Amino acid sequence: MKLKRLVFAGMLACTTTFGNAAENQRDDLEVFMQDLKSLHAEFSQQVLSAEGTVRETSTGKVNIERPGKFHWEYEKPYRQTIVANGEKIWVYDKDLEQVTIKSFKQALGSTPALLFSSGGDLHEAFDIEELETEVEGESLFELIPKDEQAQFESMYLNFTNGVLQDLELHDNLGQISTITFLNQQRNVQIAPEFFNFEPPKGVDLIDGTK
């Protein structure tokens, strides 16, 4: 499996394995989302150009609390913080000394960073199809955004034994971005301050909510 900042396996061969295992696999995405109240994880991310060249590799941490809250922190190689409180989204580029504010509702469904924090039905925002795989215990889902203004063309979620492993995104420029989740902690208590953001003094402020 192979996300570009803010916007978060090649196709697998068809399988001839059916029965209860396949039935359980088809539930992986639905069960993962229905049971998800909060999530803390580390991540590694890689962005490939349309030609297959590695353009960027980054690492960081993410905290999510449903509905509508997340704190996405890029630590290396560049510092960027993305915070949502259910109403607004702040994007803070520390190196650029710039903060961009967006409406949560306007961005919902257009960026994969909002996928896991959404409290709604994924089928309202995406056309979802499970893709067949020949790997036992693995399930792969394709999500196509219904919003014509979405910043990506398709997204793939890869599960192993019900645990989300990778998110692969194909954007409108032909880039392929992959984020791999590490050390996941589901449904843990997360401090409220993670989901509030006060722009530092002196930074450029771009408010897209006005």
N, C-alpha and C. Protein backbone atom coordinates (compact mmCIF):
# COMPACT_ATOMS: atom_id res chain seq x y z
N MET A 1 0.84 -1.20 0.00
CA MET A 1 0.00 0.00 0.00
C MET A 1 0.87 1.24 0.00
N LYS A 2 0.44 2.25 -0.70
CA LYS A 2 1.19 3.49 -0.79
C LYS A 2 0.32 4.64 -0.25
N LEU A 3 -0.35 9.85 1.19
CA LEU A 3 -1.35 10.82 1.39
C LEU A 3 -0.59 12.09 1.34
N LYS A 4 -0.82 12.72 0.77
CA LYS A 4 -0.41 14.07 0.63
C LYS A 4 -0.93 14.83 1.82
N ARG A 5 -0.19 15.85 2.27
CA ARG A 5 -0.60 16.56 3.46
C ARG A 5 -2.02 17.05 3.33
N LEU A 6 -2.77 16.88 4.43
CA LEU A 6 -4.14 17.31 4.59
C LEU A 6 -5.07 16.47 3.74
N VAL A 7 -4.79 16.19 2.57
CA VAL A 7 -5.75 15.46 1.78
C VAL A 7 -5.53 13.96 1.95
N PHE A 8 -5.26 12.90 2.98
CA PHE A 8 -4.59 11.65 3.54
C PHE A 8 -4.45 11.43 1.90
N ALA A 9 -0.55 -0.57 -2.56
CA ALA A 9 -0.97 -1.95 -2.94
C ALA A 9 -1.59 -1.88 -4.27
N GLY A 10 -1.03 -1.56 -4.89
CA GLY A 10 -1.62 -1.67 -6.20
C GLY A 10 -2.82 -2.57 -6.10
N MET A 11 -3.60 -2.63 -7.15
CA MET A 11 -4.82 -3.41 -7.09
C MET A 11 -4.48 -4.88 -6.93
N LEU A 12 -5.22 -5.55 -6.05
CA LEU A 12 -4.92 -6.94 -5.74
C LEU A 12 -5.71 -7.87 -6.64
N ALA A 13 -5.14 -9.04 -6.88
CA ALA A 13 -5.78 -9.99 -7.78
C ALA A 13 -7.06 -10.53 -7.18
N CYS A 14 -7.96 -10.98 -8.04
CA CYS A 14 -9.24 -11.52 -7.58
C CYS A 14 -9.00 -12.83 -6.84
N THR A 15 -9.89 -13.09 -5.87
CA THR A 15 -9.75 -14.30 -5.09
C THR A 15 -10.86 -15.27 -5.40
N THR A 16 -10.61 -16.52 -5.16
CA THR A 16 -11.63 -17.54 -5.32
C THR A 16 -12.11 -18.02 -3.96
N THR A 17 -11.67 -17.32 -2.88
CA THR A 17 -12.04 -17.70 -1.53
C THR A 17 -13.30 -16.97 -1.12
N PHE A 18 -14.34 -17.73 -0.78
CA PHE A 18 -15.59 -17.14 -0.35
C PHE A 18 -15.99 -17.76 0.98
N GLY A 19 -17.24 -17.52 1.44
CA GLY A 19 -17.70 -18.12 2.68
C GLY A 19 -17.66 -17.13 3.82
N ASN A 20 -17.55 -17.65 5.05
CA ASN A 20 -17.64 -16.81 6.23
C ASN A 20 -16.50 -15.81 6.32
N ALA A 21 -15.30 -16.20 5.93
CA ALA A 21 -14.16 -15.28 6.01
C ALA A 21 -14.42 -14.05 5.17
N ALA A 22 -14.88 -14.26 3.93
CA ALA A 22 -15.15 -13.14 3.05
C ALA A 22 -16.30 -12.30 3.60
N GLU A 23 -17.28 -12.97 4.21
CA GLU A 23 -18.41 -12.24 4.77
C GLU A 23 -17.95 -11.32 5.89
N ASN A 24 -17.02 -11.81 6.72
CA ASN A 24 -16.50 -10.99 7.81
C ASN A 24 -15.69 -9.83 7.28
N GLN A 25 -14.92 -10.07 6.21
CA GLN A 25 -14.09 -9.02 5.64
C GLN A 25 -14.95 -7.87 5.15
N ARG A 26 -16.10 -8.16 4.58
CA ARG A 26 -16.94 -7.12 4.04
C ARG A 26 -17.45 -6.19 5.14
N ASP A 27 -17.38 -6.63 6.40
CA ASP A 27 -17.84 -5.83 7.51
C ASP A 27 -16.74 -4.95 8.09
N ASP A 28 -15.50 -5.11 7.66
CA ASP A 28 -14.37 -4.45 8.31
C ASP A 28 -14.52 -2.93 8.36
N LEU A 29 -14.84 -2.31 7.24
CA LEU A 29 -14.95 -0.85 7.19
C LEU A 29 -16.11 -0.37 8.05
N GLU A 30 -17.26 -1.00 7.91
CA GLU A 30 -18.43 -0.60 8.67
C GLU A 30 -18.20 -0.76 10.17
N VAL A 31 -17.65 -1.89 10.58
CA VAL A 31 -17.39 -2.14 11.99
C VAL A 31 -16.37 -1.15 12.54
N PHE A 32 -15.32 -0.91 11.77
CA PHE A 32 -14.26 0.02 12.20
C PHE A 32 -14.84 1.40 12.49
N MET A 33 -15.72 1.89 11.60
CA MET A 33 -16.27 3.22 11.76
C MET A 33 -17.34 3.26 12.85
N GLN A 34 -18.21 2.27 12.91
CA GLN A 34 -19.29 2.29 13.88
C GLN A 34 -18.77 2.24 15.31
N ASP A 35 -17.71 1.52 15.54
CA ASP A 35 -17.17 1.34 16.88
C ASP A 35 -16.18 2.44 17.27
N LEU A 36 -15.82 3.29 16.32
CA LEU A 36 -14.76 4.26 16.56
C LEU A 36 -15.29 5.50 17.27
N LYS A 37 -14.79 5.73 18.48
CA LYS A 37 -15.12 6.94 19.24
C LYS A 37 -13.92 7.89 19.27
N SER A 38 -12.73 7.33 19.40
CA SER A 38 -11.52 8.14 19.37
C SER A 38 -10.37 7.26 18.89
N LEU A 39 -9.31 7.91 18.44
CA LEU A 39 -8.16 7.17 17.94
C LEU A 39 -6.90 8.00 18.13
N HIS A 40 -5.88 7.36 18.67
CA HIS A 40 -4.55 7.96 18.73
C HIS A 40 -3.61 7.03 17.97
N ALA A 41 -2.78 7.60 17.10
CA ALA A 41 -1.85 6.77 16.34
C ALA A 41 -0.66 7.60 15.87
N GLU A 42 0.42 6.93 15.63
CA GLU A 42 1.55 7.52 14.91
C GLU A 42 1.36 7.14 13.44
N PHE A 43 2.02 7.89 12.55
CA PHE A 43 1.87 7.56 11.13
C PHE A 43 3.15 7.89 10.37
N SER A 44 3.31 7.20 9.27
CA SER A 44 4.34 7.55 8.29
C SER A 44 3.63 7.75 6.96
N GLN A 45 4.12 8.67 6.17
CA GLN A 45 3.43 9.06 4.94
C GLN A 45 4.42 9.24 3.80
N GLN A 46 4.01 8.80 2.63
CA GLN A 46 4.85 8.93 1.45
C GLN A 46 4.01 9.43 0.28
N VAL A 47 4.56 10.39 -0.47
CA VAL A 47 3.88 10.94 -1.63
C VAL A 47 4.70 10.61 -2.87
N LEU A 48 4.03 9.98 -3.84
CA LEU A 48 4.66 9.63 -5.11
C LEU A 48 4.12 10.52 -6.22
N SER A 49 4.98 10.95 -7.13
CA SER A 49 4.54 11.72 -8.28
C SER A 49 3.82 10.81 -9.26
N ALA A 50 3.21 11.41 -10.28
CA ALA A 50 2.52 10.63 -11.30
C ALA A 50 3.48 9.69 -12.01
N GLU A 51 4.79 10.03 -12.01
CA GLU A 51 5.80 9.21 -12.65
C GLU A 51 6.34 8.13 -11.71
N GLY A 52 5.90 8.13 -10.47
CA GLY A 52 6.35 7.11 -9.52
C GLY A 52 7.54 7.53 -8.68
N THR A 53 7.98 8.79 -8.78
CA THR A 53 9.11 9.28 -7.99
C THR A 53 8.64 9.71 -6.60
N VAL A 54 9.41 9.36 -5.58
CA VAL A 54 9.08 9.77 -4.22
C VAL A 54 9.31 11.27 -4.08
N ARG A 55 8.23 12.00 -3.79
CA ARG A 55 8.32 13.46 -3.66
C ARG A 55 8.48 13.90 -2.22
N GLU A 56 7.92 13.13 -1.30
CA GLU A 56 7.99 13.54 0.10
C GLU A 56 7.74 12.35 1.01
N THR A 57 8.49 12.30 2.10
CA THR A 57 8.27 11.31 3.15
C THR A 57 8.16 12.06 4.47
N SER A 58 7.14 11.74 5.26
CA SER A 58 6.94 12.48 6.50
C SER A 58 6.40 11.55 7.59
N THR A 59 6.50 12.01 8.83
CA THR A 59 6.00 11.25 9.98
C THR A 59 5.28 12.20 10.92
N GLY A 60 4.47 11.62 11.81
CA GLY A 60 3.77 12.45 12.78
C GLY A 60 2.82 11.65 13.64
N LYS A 61 1.88 12.38 14.29
CA LYS A 61 0.91 11.76 15.17
C LYS A 61 -0.47 12.32 14.87
N VAL A 62 -1.49 11.51 15.14
CA VAL A 62 -2.86 11.95 14.92
C VAL A 62 -3.72 11.58 16.13
N ASN A 63 -4.60 12.49 16.52
CA ASN A 63 -5.60 12.25 17.55
C ASN A 63 -6.96 12.58 16.96
N ILE A 64 -7.91 11.68 17.10
CA ILE A 64 -9.25 11.85 16.54
C ILE A 64 -10.29 11.58 17.61
N GLU A 65 -11.33 12.41 17.62
CA GLU A 65 -12.47 12.17 18.50
C GLU A 65 -13.74 12.46 17.71
N ARG A 66 -14.59 11.48 17.60
CA ARG A 66 -15.82 11.65 16.84
C ARG A 66 -16.94 12.17 17.73
N PRO A 67 -17.82 13.03 17.17
CA PRO A 67 -17.80 13.48 15.78
C PRO A 67 -17.06 14.81 15.60
N GLY A 68 -16.33 14.90 14.51
CA GLY A 68 -15.84 16.18 14.03
C GLY A 68 -14.58 16.75 14.60
N LYS A 69 -13.82 16.00 15.42
CA LYS A 69 -12.63 16.58 16.03
C LYS A 69 -11.39 15.77 15.65
N PHE A 70 -10.33 16.47 15.28
CA PHE A 70 -9.06 15.79 15.08
C PHE A 70 -7.90 16.76 15.23
N HIS A 71 -6.75 16.20 15.54
CA HIS A 71 -5.50 16.94 15.66
C HIS A 71 -4.44 16.15 14.91
N TRP A 72 -4.02 16.69 13.77
CA TRP A 72 -3.09 15.98 12.88
C TRP A 72 -1.78 16.74 12.91
N GLU A 73 -0.74 16.09 13.41
CA GLU A 73 0.54 16.77 13.64
C GLU A 73 1.65 16.15 12.80
N TYR A 74 2.16 16.93 11.81
CA TYR A 74 3.34 16.50 11.06
C TYR A 74 4.57 16.98 11.81
N GLU A 75 5.47 16.05 12.07
CA GLU A 75 6.66 16.38 12.87
C GLU A 75 7.93 16.48 12.03
N LYS A 76 8.07 15.59 11.06
CA LYS A 76 9.25 15.58 10.20
C LYS A 76 8.81 15.32 8.76
N PRO A 77 9.48 15.92 7.77
CA PRO A 77 10.61 16.86 7.86
C PRO A 77 10.17 18.30 8.12
N TYR A 78 8.86 18.61 7.95
CA TYR A 78 8.36 19.96 8.16
C TYR A 78 7.26 19.93 9.22
N ARG A 79 7.15 21.02 9.98
CA ARG A 79 6.15 21.10 11.04
C ARG A 79 4.86 21.69 10.49
N GLN A 80 3.78 20.92 10.59
CA GLN A 80 2.47 21.40 10.21
C GLN A 80 1.43 20.82 11.17
N THR A 81 0.49 21.65 11.61
CA THR A 81 -0.55 21.21 12.52
C THR A 81 -1.91 21.47 11.90
N ILE A 82 -2.79 20.46 11.92
CA ILE A 82 -4.14 20.59 11.39
C ILE A 82 -5.10 20.22 12.51
N VAL A 83 -5.97 21.16 12.90
CA VAL A 83 -6.87 20.96 14.04
C VAL A 83 -8.30 21.23 13.61
N ALA A 84 -9.23 20.36 14.02
CA ALA A 84 -10.65 20.55 13.74
C ALA A 84 -11.44 20.39 15.03
N ASN A 85 -12.42 21.26 15.23
CA ASN A 85 -13.26 21.18 16.43
C ASN A 85 -14.72 20.88 16.10
N GLY A 86 -14.99 20.48 14.86
CA GLY A 86 -16.35 20.18 14.44
C GLY A 86 -17.02 21.33 13.72
N GLU A 87 -16.47 22.55 13.86
CA GLU A 87 -17.00 23.72 13.19
C GLU A 87 -15.99 24.36 12.26
N LYS A 88 -14.75 24.40 12.71
CA LYS A 88 -13.68 25.00 11.91
C LYS A 88 -12.48 24.06 11.84
N ILE A 89 -11.65 24.30 10.82
CA ILE A 89 -10.38 23.59 10.66
C ILE A 89 -9.28 24.63 10.54
N TRP A 90 -8.26 24.47 11.37
CA TRP A 90 -7.09 25.35 11.31
C TRP A 90 -5.91 24.56 10.73
N VAL A 91 -5.23 25.16 9.78
CA VAL A 91 -4.02 24.57 9.21
C VAL A 91 -2.86 25.53 9.50
N TYR A 92 -1.95 25.09 10.35
CA TYR A 92 -0.84 25.94 10.77
C TYR A 92 0.46 25.42 10.18
N ASP A 93 1.04 26.21 9.27
CA ASP A 93 2.36 25.90 8.71
C ASP A 93 3.39 26.72 9.48
N LYS A 94 4.12 26.04 10.37
CA LYS A 94 5.04 26.74 11.26
C LYS A 94 6.16 27.42 10.48
N ASP A 95 6.72 26.75 9.48
CA ASP A 95 7.83 27.32 8.72
C ASP A 95 7.39 28.56 7.94
N LEU A 96 6.13 28.55 7.44
CA LEU A 96 5.62 29.68 6.66
C LEU A 96 5.02 30.75 7.56
N GLU A 97 4.87 30.45 8.86
CA GLU A 97 4.22 31.35 9.81
C GLU A 97 2.86 31.78 9.28
N GLN A 98 2.06 30.77 8.91
CA GLN A 98 0.77 31.03 8.30
C GLN A 98 -0.29 30.09 8.85
N VAL A 99 -1.49 30.62 9.12
CA VAL A 99 -2.62 29.83 9.58
C VAL A 99 -3.79 30.05 8.62
N THR A 100 -4.33 28.95 8.10
CA THR A 100 -5.50 29.00 7.24
C THR A 100 -6.69 28.40 7.98
N ILE A 101 -7.84 29.10 7.95
CA ILE A 101 -9.04 28.63 8.62
C ILE A 101 -10.08 28.26 7.57
N LYS A 102 -10.67 27.07 7.73
CA LYS A 102 -11.70 26.60 6.80
C LYS A 102 -12.93 26.16 7.58
N SER A 103 -14.07 26.16 6.90
CA SER A 103 -15.29 25.66 7.49
C SER A 103 -15.28 24.14 7.47
N PHE A 104 -15.63 23.52 8.58
CA PHE A 104 -15.66 22.06 8.65
C PHE A 104 -16.66 21.50 7.65
N LYS A 105 -17.85 22.07 7.57
CA LYS A 105 -18.88 21.55 6.67
C LYS A 105 -18.46 21.67 5.22
N GLN A 106 -17.81 22.76 4.85
CA GLN A 106 -17.38 22.94 3.48
C GLN A 106 -16.32 21.93 3.08
N ALA A 107 -15.50 21.56 4.02
CA ALA A 107 -14.40 20.64 3.71
C ALA A 107 -14.81 19.18 3.84
N LEU A 108 -15.90 18.91 4.55
CA LEU A 108 -16.31 17.54 4.79
C LEU A 108 -16.53 16.79 3.49
N GLY A 109 -15.88 15.65 3.36
CA GLY A 109 -16.02 14.83 2.17
C GLY A 109 -15.03 15.19 1.07
N SER A 110 -14.35 16.34 1.20
CA SER A 110 -13.42 16.73 0.15
C SER A 110 -11.98 16.42 0.49
N THR A 111 -11.70 16.13 1.76
CA THR A 111 -10.34 15.80 2.17
C THR A 111 -10.36 14.56 3.05
N PRO A 112 -9.49 13.61 2.82
CA PRO A 112 -9.50 12.38 3.60
C PRO A 112 -9.11 12.56 5.05
N ALA A 113 -8.53 13.71 5.41
CA ALA A 113 -8.21 13.95 6.82
C ALA A 113 -9.46 13.97 7.67
N LEU A 114 -10.63 14.22 7.05
CA LEU A 114 -11.88 14.30 7.78
C LEU A 114 -12.62 12.96 7.81
N LEU A 115 -12.08 11.98 7.11
CA LEU A 115 -12.79 10.71 6.96
C LEU A 115 -13.15 10.08 8.29
N PHE A 116 -12.17 9.91 9.17
CA PHE A 116 -12.37 9.16 10.40
C PHE A 116 -13.07 9.96 11.48
N SER A 117 -13.00 11.30 11.40
CA SER A 117 -13.64 12.11 12.43
C SER A 117 -15.11 12.36 12.13
N SER A 118 -15.54 12.10 10.92
CA SER A 118 -16.94 12.34 10.56
C SER A 118 -17.86 11.45 11.38
N GLY A 119 -18.98 12.02 11.80
CA GLY A 119 -19.95 11.24 12.55
C GLY A 119 -21.07 10.72 11.68
N GLY A 120 -21.02 11.03 10.37
CA GLY A 120 -22.08 10.64 9.47
C GLY A 120 -21.82 9.32 8.77
N ASP A 121 -22.75 8.97 7.89
CA ASP A 121 -22.65 7.75 7.11
C ASP A 121 -21.69 7.98 5.94
N LEU A 122 -20.65 7.16 5.82
CA LEU A 122 -19.69 7.33 4.74
C LEU A 122 -20.34 7.23 3.37
N HIS A 123 -21.43 6.46 3.27
CA HIS A 123 -22.09 6.30 1.98
C HIS A 123 -22.71 7.61 1.49
N GLU A 124 -22.92 8.57 2.38
CA GLU A 124 -23.46 9.86 1.96
C GLU A 124 -22.41 10.68 1.21
N ALA A 125 -21.15 10.46 1.52
CA ALA A 125 -20.07 11.24 0.91
C ALA A 125 -19.29 10.47 -0.14
N PHE A 126 -19.37 9.12 -0.11
CA PHE A 126 -18.55 8.31 -1.01
C PHE A 126 -19.36 7.18 -1.64
N ASP A 127 -18.98 6.82 -2.85
CA ASP A 127 -19.38 5.55 -3.43
C ASP A 127 -18.34 4.53 -2.97
N ILE A 128 -18.78 3.48 -2.29
CA ILE A 128 -17.86 2.54 -1.66
C ILE A 128 -18.01 1.16 -2.27
N GLU A 129 -16.88 0.56 -2.58
CA GLU A 129 -16.88 -0.80 -3.13
C GLU A 129 -15.76 -1.60 -2.48
N GLU A 130 -16.07 -2.83 -2.10
CA GLU A 130 -15.02 -3.70 -1.59
C GLU A 130 -14.36 -4.40 -2.77
N LEU A 131 -13.04 -4.38 -2.80
CA LEU A 131 -12.28 -5.02 -3.86
C LEU A 131 -11.80 -6.38 -3.39
N GLU A 132 -11.85 -7.34 -4.28
CA GLU A 132 -11.46 -8.70 -3.90
C GLU A 132 -9.95 -8.80 -3.74
N THR A 133 -9.53 -9.60 -2.78
CA THR A 133 -8.11 -9.80 -2.52
C THR A 133 -7.85 -11.27 -2.24
N GLU A 134 -6.68 -11.72 -2.61
CA GLU A 134 -6.32 -13.12 -2.42
C GLU A 134 -5.54 -13.34 -1.13
N VAL A 135 -5.35 -12.27 -0.35
CA VAL A 135 -4.60 -12.37 0.89
C VAL A 135 -5.55 -12.68 2.04
N GLU A 136 -5.33 -13.79 2.73
CA GLU A 136 -6.21 -14.18 3.82
C GLU A 136 -6.17 -13.16 4.95
N GLY A 137 -7.36 -12.77 5.44
CA GLY A 137 -7.45 -11.82 6.54
C GLY A 137 -7.39 -10.37 6.11
N GLU A 138 -7.19 -10.13 4.82
CA GLU A 138 -7.07 -8.76 4.33
C GLU A 138 -8.33 -8.35 3.59
N SER A 139 -8.75 -7.09 3.74
CA SER A 139 -9.86 -6.54 2.98
C SER A 139 -9.48 -5.15 2.49
N LEU A 140 -9.93 -4.81 1.29
CA LEU A 140 -9.55 -3.58 0.63
C LEU A 140 -10.79 -2.88 0.11
N PHE A 141 -10.94 -1.59 0.44
CA PHE A 141 -12.12 -0.82 0.04
C PHE A 141 -11.72 0.38 -0.81
N GLU A 142 -12.49 0.61 -1.86
CA GLU A 142 -12.30 1.78 -2.71
C GLU A 142 -13.40 2.78 -2.40
N LEU A 143 -13.02 4.04 -2.15
CA LEU A 143 -13.96 5.11 -1.86
C LEU A 143 -13.81 6.20 -2.92
N ILE A 144 -14.89 6.49 -3.63
CA ILE A 144 -14.91 7.54 -4.64
C ILE A 144 -15.76 8.69 -4.11
N PRO A 145 -15.20 9.89 -3.96
CA PRO A 145 -15.98 11.01 -3.42
C PRO A 145 -17.11 11.43 -4.36
N LYS A 146 -18.27 11.70 -3.79
CA LYS A 146 -19.41 12.17 -4.58
C LYS A 146 -19.31 13.66 -4.86
N ASP A 147 -18.57 14.37 -4.03
CA ASP A 147 -18.39 15.82 -4.19
C ASP A 147 -17.48 16.09 -5.39
N GLU A 148 -17.99 16.80 -6.39
CA GLU A 148 -17.19 17.09 -7.58
C GLU A 148 -16.03 18.03 -7.28
N GLN A 149 -16.07 18.71 -6.12
CA GLN A 149 -14.99 19.62 -5.74
C GLN A 149 -13.94 18.94 -4.87
N ALA A 150 -14.05 17.64 -4.70
CA ALA A 150 -13.08 16.92 -3.87
C ALA A 150 -11.68 17.07 -4.42
N GLN A 151 -10.70 17.02 -3.51
CA GLN A 151 -9.31 17.21 -3.89
C GLN A 151 -8.63 15.92 -4.31
N PHE A 152 -9.39 14.84 -4.40
CA PHE A 152 -8.80 13.58 -4.82
C PHE A 152 -9.83 12.78 -5.62
N GLU A 153 -9.33 11.84 -6.41
CA GLU A 153 -10.19 11.05 -7.28
C GLU A 153 -10.67 9.77 -6.61
N SER A 154 -9.80 9.16 -5.82
CA SER A 154 -10.17 7.90 -5.17
C SER A 154 -9.30 7.67 -3.95
N MET A 155 -9.79 6.81 -3.06
CA MET A 155 -9.07 6.49 -1.84
C MET A 155 -9.27 5.01 -1.54
N TYR A 156 -8.23 4.38 -1.01
CA TYR A 156 -8.28 2.95 -0.72
C TYR A 156 -7.91 2.72 0.75
N LEU A 157 -8.74 1.92 1.42
CA LEU A 157 -8.48 1.57 2.81
C LEU A 157 -8.17 0.09 2.89
N ASN A 158 -7.05 -0.23 3.51
CA ASN A 158 -6.59 -1.61 3.59
C ASN A 158 -6.63 -2.09 5.04
N PHE A 159 -7.37 -3.17 5.29
CA PHE A 159 -7.50 -3.74 6.63
C PHE A 159 -6.85 -5.12 6.67
N THR A 160 -6.25 -5.46 7.80
CA THR A 160 -5.77 -6.81 8.05
C THR A 160 -6.38 -7.29 9.35
N ASN A 161 -7.17 -8.34 9.26
CA ASN A 161 -7.87 -8.88 10.43
C ASN A 161 -8.63 -7.79 11.19
N GLY A 162 -9.27 -6.90 10.43
CA GLY A 162 -10.10 -5.87 11.01
C GLY A 162 -9.37 -4.63 11.47
N VAL A 163 -8.04 -4.60 11.36
CA VAL A 163 -7.24 -3.45 11.79
C VAL A 163 -6.81 -2.65 10.57
N LEU A 164 -7.06 -1.35 10.59
CA LEU A 164 -6.67 -0.49 9.48
C LEU A 164 -5.15 -0.40 9.39
N GLN A 165 -4.61 -0.72 8.23
CA GLN A 165 -3.17 -0.69 8.02
C GLN A 165 -2.72 0.55 7.24
N ASP A 166 -3.35 0.77 6.09
CA ASP A 166 -2.91 1.83 5.18
C ASP A 166 -4.11 2.56 4.59
N LEU A 167 -3.84 3.81 4.21
CA LEU A 167 -4.78 4.59 3.44
C LEU A 167 -4.03 5.11 2.22
N GLU A 168 -4.52 4.78 1.04
CA GLU A 168 -3.86 5.20 -0.20
C GLU A 168 -4.78 6.16 -0.94
N LEU A 169 -4.21 7.29 -1.35
CA LEU A 169 -4.99 8.33 -2.00
C LEU A 169 -4.43 8.66 -3.37
N HIS A 170 -5.33 8.75 -4.36
CA HIS A 170 -4.98 9.16 -5.72
C HIS A 170 -5.58 10.54 -5.95
N ASP A 171 -4.72 11.57 -6.06
CA ASP A 171 -5.26 12.92 -6.17
C ASP A 171 -5.50 13.32 -7.62
N ASN A 172 -5.99 14.55 -7.80
CA ASN A 172 -6.38 15.01 -9.13
C ASN A 172 -5.20 15.33 -10.03
N LEU A 173 -3.99 15.30 -9.49
CA LEU A 173 -2.79 15.56 -10.27
C LEU A 173 -2.04 14.29 -10.62
N GLY A 174 -2.61 13.14 -10.29
CA GLY A 174 -1.97 11.87 -10.60
C GLY A 174 -1.02 11.38 -9.53
N GLN A 175 -0.90 12.13 -8.43
CA GLN A 175 -0.02 11.70 -7.34
C GLN A 175 -0.69 10.60 -6.52
N ILE A 176 0.13 9.72 -5.98
CA ILE A 176 -0.35 8.66 -5.10
C ILE A 176 0.30 8.87 -3.73
N SER A 177 -0.54 8.98 -2.71
CA SER A 177 -0.04 9.22 -1.36
C SER A 177 -0.50 8.10 -0.45
N THR A 178 0.39 7.65 0.41
CA THR A 178 0.08 6.56 1.32
C THR A 178 0.40 6.95 2.74
N ILE A 179 -0.54 6.65 3.64
CA ILE A 179 -0.27 6.85 5.05
C ILE A 179 -0.45 5.51 5.75
N THR A 180 0.55 5.15 6.54
CA THR A 180 0.54 3.90 7.29
C THR A 180 0.39 4.22 8.77
N PHE A 181 -0.59 3.60 9.42
CA PHE A 181 -0.86 3.88 10.83
C PHE A 181 -0.09 2.91 11.72
N LEU A 182 0.52 3.46 12.78
CA LEU A 182 1.35 2.67 13.68
C LEU A 182 0.91 2.90 15.13
N ASN A 183 1.08 1.88 15.95
CA ASN A 183 0.81 2.00 17.39
C ASN A 183 -0.56 2.61 17.68
N GLN A 184 -1.57 2.06 17.05
CA GLN A 184 -2.92 2.59 17.21
C GLN A 184 -3.49 2.31 18.60
N GLN A 185 -4.20 3.30 19.15
CA GLN A 185 -4.94 3.14 20.40
C GLN A 185 -6.36 3.64 20.17
N ARG A 186 -7.29 2.70 20.17
CA ARG A 186 -8.69 3.03 19.88
C ARG A 186 -9.44 3.38 21.16
N ASN A 187 -10.37 4.35 21.00
CA ASN A 187 -11.33 4.69 22.06
C ASN A 187 -10.66 5.01 23.38
N VAL A 188 -9.56 5.78 23.29
CA VAL A 188 -8.88 6.26 24.48
C VAL A 188 -9.33 7.69 24.77
N GLN A 189 -9.13 8.14 26.02
CA GLN A 189 -9.50 9.50 26.39
C GLN A 189 -8.42 10.46 25.89
N ILE A 190 -8.87 11.52 25.19
CA ILE A 190 -7.94 12.51 24.63
C ILE A 190 -8.26 13.87 25.24
N ALA A 191 -7.23 14.59 25.67
CA ALA A 191 -7.42 15.88 26.33
C ALA A 191 -8.14 16.86 25.40
N PRO A 192 -9.14 17.61 25.89
CA PRO A 192 -9.92 18.55 25.07
C PRO A 192 -9.08 19.59 24.36
N GLU A 193 -7.96 20.00 24.96
CA GLU A 193 -7.14 21.05 24.34
C GLU A 193 -6.54 20.65 23.00
N PHE A 194 -6.49 19.36 22.72
CA PHE A 194 -5.98 18.91 21.43
C PHE A 194 -6.85 19.42 20.28
N PHE A 195 -8.12 19.70 20.56
CA PHE A 195 -9.06 20.04 19.50
C PHE A 195 -9.44 21.52 19.49
N ASN A 196 -8.63 22.34 20.12
CA ASN A 196 -8.78 23.79 20.06
C ASN A 196 -7.46 24.39 19.59
N PHE A 197 -7.54 25.49 18.84
CA PHE A 197 -6.32 26.08 18.32
C PHE A 197 -6.39 27.59 18.40
N GLU A 198 -5.36 28.19 18.98
CA GLU A 198 -5.22 29.63 19.06
C GLU A 198 -4.03 30.04 18.20
N PRO A 199 -4.27 30.74 17.06
CA PRO A 199 -3.16 31.11 16.18
C PRO A 199 -2.08 31.89 16.93
N PRO A 200 -0.82 31.53 16.76
CA PRO A 200 0.27 32.27 17.41
C PRO A 200 0.28 33.73 16.97
N LYS A 201 0.73 34.59 17.84
CA LYS A 201 0.83 36.02 17.50
C LYS A 201 1.84 36.23 16.38
N GLY A 202 1.48 37.13 15.46
CA GLY A 202 2.41 37.50 14.40
C GLY A 202 2.31 36.68 13.13
N VAL A 203 1.51 35.60 13.11
CA VAL A 203 1.41 34.78 11.90
C VAL A 203 0.41 35.39 10.94
N ASP A 204 0.56 35.07 9.65
CA ASP A 204 -0.42 35.49 8.64
C ASP A 204 -1.66 34.64 8.80
N LEU A 205 -2.83 35.28 8.81
CA LEU A 205 -4.10 34.59 9.02
C LEU A 205 -4.95 34.68 7.77
N ILE A 206 -5.30 33.52 7.22
CA ILE A 206 -6.16 33.46 6.03
C ILE A 206 -7.47 32.78 6.46
N ASP A 207 -8.52 33.56 6.58
CA ASP A 207 -9.80 33.05 7.08
C ASP A 207 -10.75 32.80 5.93
N GLY A 208 -10.89 31.52 5.58
CA GLY A 208 -11.77 31.14 4.47
C GLY A 208 -13.21 30.96 4.88
N THR A 209 -13.54 31.23 6.15
CA THR A 209 -14.91 31.08 6.60
C THR A 209 -15.73 32.35 6.41
N LYS A 210 -15.07 33.45 6.04
CA LYS A 210 -15.77 34.73 5.89
C LYS A 210 -16.12 35.01 4.43
